[in-house]
Amino acid sequence: MSEEKNTVAEPTAVPVPTERIVEVDRMALELAKAKREIALAEAKTALANNEKADLAYRYVVLQIYMKYGMNERDALNETGEIVRGGAGVPTK
């Protein structure tokens, strides 16, 4: 007796054709992505420049405070006058 194997034929997968956008649309998409990355880089640069300017301002204020023997209770007004005790006591 010969043994016969009952085999079930598995359905073969039919490849689904992939759709693609036309080259012009792909290039427009790539350009939009590049512009987005440039804008993000420019925003990061602007933020870094803002922080740099703020640090430079604080450094100049610190130099003035040290030069004129000022402390945390003293203040500078808009005209450059030193107001001793004008800043009040800092609250914690």
PDB file of N, CA and C in Angstrom:
ATOM      1  N   MET A   1       0.819  -1.172   0.000  1.00  0.00           N
ATOM      2  CA  MET A   1       0.000   0.000   0.000  1.00  0.00           C
ATOM      3  C   MET A   1       0.860   1.231   0.000  1.00  0.00           C
ATOM      4  N   SER A   2       0.496   2.057  -0.827  1.00  0.00           N
ATOM      5  CA  SER A   2       1.224   3.304  -0.863  1.00  0.00           C
ATOM      6  C   SER A   2       0.442   4.358  -0.111  1.00  0.00           C
ATOM      7  N   GLU A   3       1.180   5.149   0.581  1.00  0.00           N
ATOM      8  CA  GLU A   3       0.529   6.209   1.352  1.00  0.00           C
ATOM      9  C   GLU A   3       0.424   7.452   0.481  1.00  0.00           C
ATOM     10  N   GLU A   4      -0.754   7.950   0.445  1.00  0.00           N
ATOM     11  CA  GLU A   4      -0.961   9.183  -0.296  1.00  0.00           C
ATOM     12  C   GLU A   4      -1.126  10.303   0.716  1.00  0.00           C
ATOM     13  N   LYS A   5      -0.455  11.351   0.468  1.00  0.00           N
ATOM     14  CA  LYS A   5      -0.555  12.502   1.369  1.00  0.00           C
ATOM     15  C   LYS A   5      -1.647  13.412   0.845  1.00  0.00           C
ATOM     16  N   ASN A   6      -2.478  13.772   1.728  1.00  0.00           N
ATOM     17  CA  ASN A   6      -3.513  14.744   1.360  1.00  0.00           C
ATOM     18  C   ASN A   6      -2.928  16.134   1.539  1.00  0.00           C
ATOM     19  N   THR A   7      -2.683  16.751   0.466  1.00  0.00           N
ATOM     20  CA  THR A   7      -2.127  18.101   0.541  1.00  0.00           C
ATOM     21  C   THR A   7      -3.151  19.082   0.011  1.00  0.00           C
ATOM     22  N   VAL A   8      -3.215  20.158   0.713  1.00  0.00           N
ATOM     23  CA  VAL A   8      -4.119  21.214   0.289  1.00  0.00           C
ATOM     24  C   VAL A   8      -3.261  22.288  -0.347  1.00  0.00           C
ATOM     25  N   ALA A   9      -3.619  22.641  -1.518  1.00  0.00           N
ATOM     26  CA  ALA A   9      -2.852  23.685  -2.209  1.00  0.00           C
ATOM     27  C   ALA A   9      -3.142  25.027  -1.559  1.00  0.00           C
ATOM     28  N   GLU A  10      -2.078  25.665  -1.108  1.00  0.00           N
ATOM     29  CA  GLU A  10      -2.245  26.982  -0.494  1.00  0.00           C
ATOM     30  C   GLU A  10      -2.406  28.015  -1.596  1.00  0.00           C
ATOM     31  N   PRO A  11      -3.282  28.972  -1.342  1.00  0.00           N
ATOM     32  CA  PRO A  11      -3.460  30.001  -2.367  1.00  0.00           C
ATOM     33  C   PRO A  11      -2.190  30.833  -2.484  1.00  0.00           C
ATOM     34  N   THR A  12      -1.823  31.108  -3.671  1.00  0.00           N
ATOM     35  CA  THR A  12      -0.631  31.921  -3.861  1.00  0.00           C
ATOM     36  C   THR A  12      -1.000  33.384  -3.720  1.00  0.00           C
ATOM     37  N   ALA A  13      -0.127  34.110  -3.064  1.00  0.00           N
ATOM     38  CA  ALA A  13      -0.381  35.530  -2.835  1.00  0.00           C
ATOM     39  C   ALA A  13      -0.185  36.288  -4.137  1.00  0.00           C
ATOM     40  N   VAL A  14      -1.164  37.060  -4.447  1.00  0.00           N
ATOM     41  CA  VAL A  14      -1.090  37.881  -5.655  1.00  0.00           C
ATOM     42  C   VAL A  14      -0.516  39.230  -5.248  1.00  0.00           C
ATOM     43  N   PRO A  15       0.593  39.618  -5.798  1.00  0.00           N
ATOM     44  CA  PRO A  15       1.170  40.909  -5.404  1.00  0.00           C
ATOM     45  C   PRO A  15       0.253  42.052  -5.803  1.00  0.00           C
ATOM     46  N   VAL A  16       0.064  42.936  -4.844  1.00  0.00           N
ATOM     47  CA  VAL A  16      -0.763  44.108  -5.097  1.00  0.00           C
ATOM     48  C   VAL A  16       0.129  45.166  -5.724  1.00  0.00           C
ATOM     49  N   PRO A  17      -0.283  45.666  -6.846  1.00  0.00           N
ATOM     50  CA  PRO A  17       0.564  46.699  -7.460  1.00  0.00           C
ATOM     51  C   PRO A  17       0.620  47.935  -6.567  1.00  0.00           C
ATOM     52  N   THR A  18       1.818  48.471  -6.399  1.00  0.00           N
ATOM     53  CA  THR A  18       1.972  49.658  -5.567  1.00  0.00           C
ATOM     54  C   THR A  18       1.733  50.905  -6.409  1.00  0.00           C
ATOM     55  N   GLU A  19       1.045  51.814  -5.785  1.00  0.00           N
ATOM     56  CA  GLU A  19       0.791  53.079  -6.469  1.00  0.00           C
ATOM     57  C   GLU A  19       1.889  54.053  -6.095  1.00  0.00           C
ATOM     58  N   ARG A  20       2.242  54.880  -7.030  1.00  0.00           N
ATOM     59  CA  ARG A  20       3.275  55.881  -6.786  1.00  0.00           C
ATOM     60  C   ARG A  20       2.762  57.231  -7.277  1.00  0.00           C
ATOM     61  N   ILE A  21       3.217  58.254  -6.582  1.00  0.00           N
ATOM     62  CA  ILE A  21       2.871  59.599  -7.042  1.00  0.00           C
ATOM     63  C   ILE A  21       3.800  59.966  -8.199  1.00  0.00           C
ATOM     64  N   VAL A  22       3.380  60.918  -8.966  1.00  0.00           N
ATOM     65  CA  VAL A  22       4.206  61.321 -10.105  1.00  0.00           C
ATOM     66  C   VAL A  22       5.429  62.064  -9.594  1.00  0.00           C
ATOM     67  N   GLU A  23       6.455  62.115 -10.399  1.00  0.00           N
ATOM     68  CA  GLU A  23       7.747  62.687 -10.005  1.00  0.00           C
ATOM     69  C   GLU A  23       7.625  64.137  -9.552  1.00  0.00           C
ATOM     70  N   VAL A  24       6.796  64.899 -10.222  1.00  0.00           N
ATOM     71  CA  VAL A  24       6.636  66.312  -9.856  1.00  0.00           C
ATOM     72  C   VAL A  24       6.071  66.446  -8.445  1.00  0.00           C
ATOM     73  N   ASP A  25       5.100  65.607  -8.117  1.00  0.00           N
ATOM     74  CA  ASP A  25       4.520  65.650  -6.776  1.00  0.00           C
ATOM     75  C   ASP A  25       5.522  65.173  -5.728  1.00  0.00           C
ATOM     76  N   ARG A  26       6.327  64.174  -6.061  1.00  0.00           N
ATOM     77  CA  ARG A  26       7.346  63.692  -5.129  1.00  0.00           C
ATOM     78  C   ARG A  26       8.371  64.776  -4.855  1.00  0.00           C
ATOM     79  N   MET A  27       8.760  65.496  -5.898  1.00  0.00           N
ATOM     80  CA  MET A  27       9.729  66.578  -5.721  1.00  0.00           C
ATOM     81  C   MET A  27       9.132  67.716  -4.903  1.00  0.00           C
ATOM     82  N   ALA A  28       7.839  68.007  -5.106  1.00  0.00           N
ATOM     83  CA  ALA A  28       7.174  69.039  -4.304  1.00  0.00           C
ATOM     84  C   ALA A  28       7.140  68.632  -2.838  1.00  0.00           C
ATOM     85  N   LEU A  29       6.903  67.364  -2.580  1.00  0.00           N
ATOM     86  CA  LEU A  29       6.903  66.850  -1.210  1.00  0.00           C
ATOM     87  C   LEU A  29       8.289  66.974  -0.581  1.00  0.00           C
ATOM     88  N   GLU A  30       9.310  66.601  -1.302  1.00  0.00           N
ATOM     89  CA  GLU A  30      10.676  66.711  -0.799  1.00  0.00           C
ATOM     90  C   GLU A  30      11.062  68.164  -0.530  1.00  0.00           C
ATOM     91  N   LEU A  31      10.636  69.066  -1.410  1.00  0.00           N
ATOM     92  CA  LEU A  31      10.908  70.493  -1.213  1.00  0.00           C
ATOM     93  C   LEU A  31      10.213  71.009   0.039  1.00  0.00           C
ATOM     94  N   ALA A  32       8.968  70.591   0.252  1.00  0.00           N
ATOM     95  CA  ALA A  32       8.237  71.012   1.449  1.00  0.00           C
ATOM     96  C   ALA A  32       8.918  70.491   2.717  1.00  0.00           C
ATOM     97  N   LYS A  33       9.398  69.253   2.680  1.00  0.00           N
ATOM     98  CA  LYS A  33      10.121  68.693   3.832  1.00  0.00           C
ATOM     99  C   LYS A  33      11.392  69.488   4.101  1.00  0.00           C
ATOM    100  N   ALA A  34      12.120  69.831   3.048  1.00  0.00           N
ATOM    101  CA  ALA A  34      13.365  70.587   3.207  1.00  0.00           C
ATOM    102  C   ALA A  34      13.090  71.969   3.790  1.00  0.00           C
ATOM    103  N   LYS A  35      12.017  72.614   3.310  1.00  0.00           N
ATOM    104  CA  LYS A  35      11.666  73.935   3.847  1.00  0.00           C
ATOM    105  C   LYS A  35      11.294  73.849   5.320  1.00  0.00           C
ATOM    106  N   ARG A  36      10.602  72.766   5.691  1.00  0.00           N
ATOM    107  CA  ARG A  36      10.231  72.582   7.093  1.00  0.00           C
ATOM    108  C   ARG A  36      11.485  72.413   7.949  1.00  0.00           C
ATOM    109  N   GLU A  37      12.451  71.634   7.469  1.00  0.00           N
ATOM    110  CA  GLU A  37      13.693  71.437   8.214  1.00  0.00           C
ATOM    111  C   GLU A  37      14.495  72.728   8.318  1.00  0.00           C
ATOM    112  N   ILE A  38      14.503  73.525   7.258  1.00  0.00           N
ATOM    113  CA  ILE A  38      15.207  74.808   7.284  1.00  0.00           C
ATOM    114  C   ILE A  38      14.559  75.745   8.288  1.00  0.00           C
ATOM    115  N   ALA A  39      13.218  75.792   8.285  1.00  0.00           N
ATOM    116  CA  ALA A  39      12.513  76.655   9.231  1.00  0.00           C
ATOM    117  C   ALA A  39      12.802  76.242  10.668  1.00  0.00           C
ATOM    118  N   LEU A  40      12.849  74.946  10.911  1.00  0.00           N
ATOM    119  CA  LEU A  40      13.160  74.465  12.256  1.00  0.00           C
ATOM    120  C   LEU A  40      14.582  74.845  12.657  1.00  0.00           C
ATOM    121  N   ALA A  41      15.517  74.708  11.739  1.00  0.00           N
ATOM    122  CA  ALA A  41      16.906  75.083  12.025  1.00  0.00           C
ATOM    123  C   ALA A  41      17.020  76.582  12.291  1.00  0.00           C
ATOM    124  N   GLU A  42      16.290  77.386  11.509  1.00  0.00           N
ATOM    125  CA  GLU A  42      16.317  78.836  11.716  1.00  0.00           C
ATOM    126  C   GLU A  42      15.708  79.206  13.060  1.00  0.00           C
ATOM    127  N   ALA A  43      14.650  78.499  13.459  1.00  0.00           N
ATOM    128  CA  ALA A  43      14.032  78.767  14.757  1.00  0.00           C
ATOM    129  C   ALA A  43      14.995  78.433  15.896  1.00  0.00           C
ATOM    130  N   LYS A  44      15.706  77.316  15.756  1.00  0.00           N
ATOM    131  CA  LYS A  44      16.689  76.943  16.774  1.00  0.00           C
ATOM    132  C   LYS A  44      17.815  77.965  16.839  1.00  0.00           C
ATOM    133  N   THR A  45      18.246  78.462  15.681  1.00  0.00           N
ATOM    134  CA  THR A  45      19.298  79.480  15.640  1.00  0.00           C
ATOM    135  C   THR A  45      18.821  80.769  16.293  1.00  0.00           C
ATOM    136  N   ALA A  46      17.577  81.155  16.002  1.00  0.00           N
ATOM    137  CA  ALA A  46      17.027  82.376  16.608  1.00  0.00           C
ATOM    138  C   ALA A  46      16.944  82.243  18.123  1.00  0.00           C
ATOM    139  N   LEU A  47      16.535  81.088  18.594  1.00  0.00           N
ATOM    140  CA  LEU A  47      16.461  80.866  20.037  1.00  0.00           C
ATOM    141  C   LEU A  47      17.845  80.937  20.669  1.00  0.00           C
ATOM    142  N   ALA A  48      18.823  80.338  20.018  1.00  0.00           N
ATOM    143  CA  ALA A  48      20.190  80.383  20.539  1.00  0.00           C
ATOM    144  C   ALA A  48      20.727  81.817  20.548  1.00  0.00           C
ATOM    145  N   ASN A  49      20.433  82.574  19.486  1.00  0.00           N
ATOM    146  CA  ASN A  49      20.873  83.975  19.439  1.00  0.00           C
ATOM    147  C   ASN A  49      20.202  84.798  20.527  1.00  0.00           C
ATOM    148  N   ASN A  50      18.924  84.521  20.811  1.00  0.00           N
ATOM    149  CA  ASN A  50      18.214  85.223  21.869  1.00  0.00           C
ATOM    150  C   ASN A  50      18.844  84.923  23.231  1.00  0.00           C
ATOM    151  N   GLU A  51      19.154  83.664  23.466  1.00  0.00           N
ATOM    152  CA  GLU A  51      19.794  83.291  24.727  1.00  0.00           C
ATOM    153  C   GLU A  51      21.177  83.929  24.849  1.00  0.00           C
ATOM    154  N   LYS A  52      21.900  83.988  23.747  1.00  0.00           N
ATOM    155  CA  LYS A  52      23.225  84.609  23.741  1.00  0.00           C
ATOM    156  C   LYS A  52      23.121  86.092  24.076  1.00  0.00           C
ATOM    157  N   ALA A  53      22.152  86.782  23.482  1.00  0.00           N
ATOM    158  CA  ALA A  53      21.963  88.212  23.754  1.00  0.00           C
ATOM    159  C   ALA A  53      21.549  88.440  25.203  1.00  0.00           C
ATOM    160  N   ASP A  54      20.702  87.561  25.734  1.00  0.00           N
ATOM    161  CA  ASP A  54      20.271  87.688  27.124  1.00  0.00           C
ATOM    162  C   ASP A  54      21.459  87.504  28.071  1.00  0.00           C
ATOM    163  N   LEU A  55      22.310  86.526  27.778  1.00  0.00           N
ATOM    164  CA  LEU A  55      23.490  86.319  28.614  1.00  0.00           C
ATOM    165  C   LEU A  55      24.441  87.510  28.533  1.00  0.00           C
ATOM    166  N   ALA A  56      24.603  88.083  27.351  1.00  0.00           N
ATOM    167  CA  ALA A  56      25.467  89.259  27.202  1.00  0.00           C
ATOM    168  C   ALA A  56      24.912  90.431  28.015  1.00  0.00           C
ATOM    169  N   TYR A  57      23.590  90.622  27.985  1.00  0.00           N
ATOM    170  CA  TYR A  57      22.954  91.695  28.756  1.00  0.00           C
ATOM    171  C   TYR A  57      23.178  91.473  30.249  1.00  0.00           C
ATOM    172  N   ARG A  58      22.947  90.259  30.712  1.00  0.00           N
ATOM    173  CA  ARG A  58      23.136  89.967  32.140  1.00  0.00           C
ATOM    174  C   ARG A  58      24.598  90.163  32.564  1.00  0.00           C
ATOM    175  N   TYR A  59      25.520  89.834  31.668  1.00  0.00           N
ATOM    176  CA  TYR A  59      26.934  90.006  31.974  1.00  0.00           C
ATOM    177  C   TYR A  59      27.285  91.486  32.139  1.00  0.00           C
ATOM    178  N   VAL A  60      26.737  92.323  31.266  1.00  0.00           N
ATOM    179  CA  VAL A  60      26.992  93.766  31.380  1.00  0.00           C
ATOM    180  C   VAL A  60      26.389  94.308  32.671  1.00  0.00           C
ATOM    181  N   VAL A  61      25.178  93.860  33.001  1.00  0.00           N
ATOM    182  CA  VAL A  61      24.548  94.306  34.254  1.00  0.00           C
ATOM    183  C   VAL A  61      25.404  93.873  35.442  1.00  0.00           C
ATOM    184  N   LEU A  62      25.889  92.637  35.414  1.00  0.00           N
ATOM    185  CA  LEU A  62      26.739  92.151  36.496  1.00  0.00           C
ATOM    186  C   LEU A  62      28.012  92.979  36.611  1.00  0.00           C
ATOM    187  N   GLN A  63      28.624  93.311  35.478  1.00  0.00           N
ATOM    188  CA  GLN A  63      29.833  94.147  35.508  1.00  0.00           C
ATOM    189  C   GLN A  63      29.542  95.514  36.125  1.00  0.00           C
ATOM    190  N   ILE A  64      28.412  96.103  35.770  1.00  0.00           N
ATOM    191  CA  ILE A  64      28.046  97.411  36.334  1.00  0.00           C
ATOM    192  C   ILE A  64      27.823  97.290  37.831  1.00  0.00           C
ATOM    193  N   TYR A  65      27.105  96.265  38.242  1.00  0.00           N
ATOM    194  CA  TYR A  65      26.866  96.075  39.682  1.00  0.00           C
ATOM    195  C   TYR A  65      28.186  95.935  40.436  1.00  0.00           C
ATOM    196  N   MET A  66      29.128  95.193  39.868  1.00  0.00           N
ATOM    197  CA  MET A  66      30.408  95.006  40.535  1.00  0.00           C
ATOM    198  C   MET A  66      31.221  96.294  40.525  1.00  0.00           C
ATOM    199  N   LYS A  67      31.218  97.015  39.416  1.00  0.00           N
ATOM    200  CA  LYS A  67      32.008  98.244  39.295  1.00  0.00           C
ATOM    201  C   LYS A  67      31.565  99.304  40.290  1.00  0.00           C
ATOM    202  N   TYR A  68      30.247  99.399  40.509  1.00  0.00           N
ATOM    203  CA  TYR A  68      29.717 100.447  41.386  1.00  0.00           C
ATOM    204  C   TYR A  68      29.360  99.940  42.782  1.00  0.00           C
ATOM    205  N   GLY A  69      29.787  98.723  43.109  1.00  0.00           N
ATOM    206  CA  GLY A  69      29.566  98.190  44.456  1.00  0.00           C
ATOM    207  C   GLY A  69      28.104  98.026  44.800  1.00  0.00           C
ATOM    208  N   MET A  70      27.315  97.651  43.821  1.00  0.00           N
ATOM    209  CA  MET A  70      25.880  97.490  44.055  1.00  0.00           C
ATOM    210  C   MET A  70      25.604  96.082  44.581  1.00  0.00           C
ATOM    211  N   ASN A  71      24.461  95.936  45.260  1.00  0.00           N
ATOM    212  CA  ASN A  71      24.044  94.617  45.726  1.00  0.00           C
ATOM    213  C   ASN A  71      22.631  94.331  45.234  1.00  0.00           C
ATOM    214  N   GLU A  72      22.064  93.207  45.699  1.00  0.00           N
ATOM    215  CA  GLU A  72      20.761  92.797  45.180  1.00  0.00           C
ATOM    216  C   GLU A  72      19.608  93.729  45.560  1.00  0.00           C
ATOM    217  N   ARG A  73      19.827  94.611  46.535  1.00  0.00           N
ATOM    218  CA  ARG A  73      18.783  95.570  46.911  1.00  0.00           C
ATOM    219  C   ARG A  73      18.827  96.838  46.075  1.00  0.00           C
ATOM    220  N   ASP A  74      19.918  97.036  45.325  1.00  0.00           N
ATOM    221  CA  ASP A  74      20.061  98.233  44.495  1.00  0.00           C
ATOM    222  C   ASP A  74      19.458  97.976  43.115  1.00  0.00           C
ATOM    223  N   ALA A  75      19.192  99.088  42.418  1.00  0.00           N
ATOM    224  CA  ALA A  75      18.599  98.964  41.086  1.00  0.00           C
ATOM    225  C   ALA A  75      19.150 100.049  40.180  1.00  0.00           C
ATOM    226  N   LEU A  76      19.019  99.824  38.887  1.00  0.00           N
ATOM    227  CA  LEU A  76      19.350 100.824  37.872  1.00  0.00           C
ATOM    228  C   LEU A  76      18.045 101.262  37.233  1.00  0.00           C
ATOM    229  N   ASN A  77      17.859 102.579  37.080  1.00  0.00           N
ATOM    230  CA  ASN A  77      16.646 102.991  36.384  1.00  0.00           C
ATOM    231  C   ASN A  77      16.948 103.182  34.905  1.00  0.00           C
ATOM    232  N   GLU A  78      15.956 103.583  34.142  1.00  0.00           N
ATOM    233  CA  GLU A  78      16.092 103.691  32.684  1.00  0.00           C
ATOM    234  C   GLU A  78      17.117 104.735  32.251  1.00  0.00           C
ATOM    235  N   THR A  79      17.367 105.734  33.083  1.00  0.00           N
ATOM    236  CA  THR A  79      18.315 106.790  32.724  1.00  0.00           C
ATOM    237  C   THR A  79      19.738 106.479  33.169  1.00  0.00           C
ATOM    238  N   GLY A  80      19.927 105.335  33.839  1.00  0.00           N
ATOM    239  CA  GLY A  80      21.259 104.949  34.267  1.00  0.00           C
ATOM    240  C   GLY A  80      21.591 105.366  35.684  1.00  0.00           C
ATOM    241  N   GLU A  81      20.630 105.897  36.402  1.00  0.00           N
ATOM    242  CA  GLU A  81      20.875 106.288  37.790  1.00  0.00           C
ATOM    243  C   GLU A  81      20.792 105.065  38.692  1.00  0.00           C
ATOM    244  N   ILE A  82      21.684 105.036  39.684  1.00  0.00           N
ATOM    245  CA  ILE A  82      21.677 103.955  40.662  1.00  0.00           C
ATOM    246  C   ILE A  82      20.701 104.333  41.771  1.00  0.00           C
ATOM    247  N   VAL A  83      19.782 103.443  42.049  1.00  0.00           N
ATOM    248  CA  VAL A  83      18.823 103.647  43.125  1.00  0.00           C
ATOM    249  C   VAL A  83      19.163 102.654  44.220  1.00  0.00           C
ATOM    250  N   ARG A  84      19.836 103.179  45.259  1.00  0.00           N
ATOM    251  CA  ARG A  84      20.259 102.308  46.348  1.00  0.00           C
ATOM    252  C   ARG A  84      19.030 101.859  47.143  1.00  0.00           C
ATOM    253  N   GLY A  85      18.893 100.568  47.316  1.00  0.00           N
ATOM    254  CA  GLY A  85      17.741 100.019  48.040  1.00  0.00           C
ATOM    255  C   GLY A  85      16.462 100.086  47.232  1.00  0.00           C
ATOM    256  N   GLY A  86      16.553 100.432  45.957  1.00  0.00           N
ATOM    257  CA  GLY A  86      15.361 100.621  45.130  1.00  0.00           C
ATOM    258  C   GLY A  86      14.732  99.341  44.602  1.00  0.00           C
ATOM    259  N   ALA A  87      15.440  98.249  44.731  1.00  0.00           N
ATOM    260  CA  ALA A  87      14.894  96.989  44.208  1.00  0.00           C
ATOM    261  C   ALA A  87      14.069  96.268  45.257  1.00  0.00           C
ATOM    262  N   GLY A  88      14.119  96.712  46.485  1.00  0.00           N
ATOM    263  CA  GLY A  88      13.394  96.019  47.544  1.00  0.00           C
ATOM    264  C   GLY A  88      14.101  94.738  47.931  1.00  0.00           C
ATOM    265  N   VAL A  89      13.539  94.046  48.853  1.00  0.00           N
ATOM    266  CA  VAL A  89      14.124  92.785  49.308  1.00  0.00           C
ATOM    267  C   VAL A  89      13.569  91.658  48.454  1.00  0.00           C
ATOM    268  N   PRO A  90      14.446  90.844  47.860  1.00  0.00           N
ATOM    269  CA  PRO A  90      13.945  89.735  47.038  1.00  0.00           C
ATOM    270  C   PRO A  90      13.149  88.752  47.879  1.00  0.00           C
ATOM    271  N   THR A  91      12.035  88.285  47.327  1.00  0.00           N
ATOM    272  CA  THR A  91      11.216  87.309  48.038  1.00  0.00           C
ATOM    273  C   THR A  91      11.582  85.909  47.560  1.00  0.00           C
ATOM    274  N   LYS A  92      11.433  84.972  48.493  1.00  0.00           N
ATOM    275  CA  LYS A  92      11.777  83.587  48.154  1.00  0.00           C
ATOM    276  C   LYS A  92      10.563  82.730  48.148  1.00  0.00           C
TER     277      LYS A  92
END
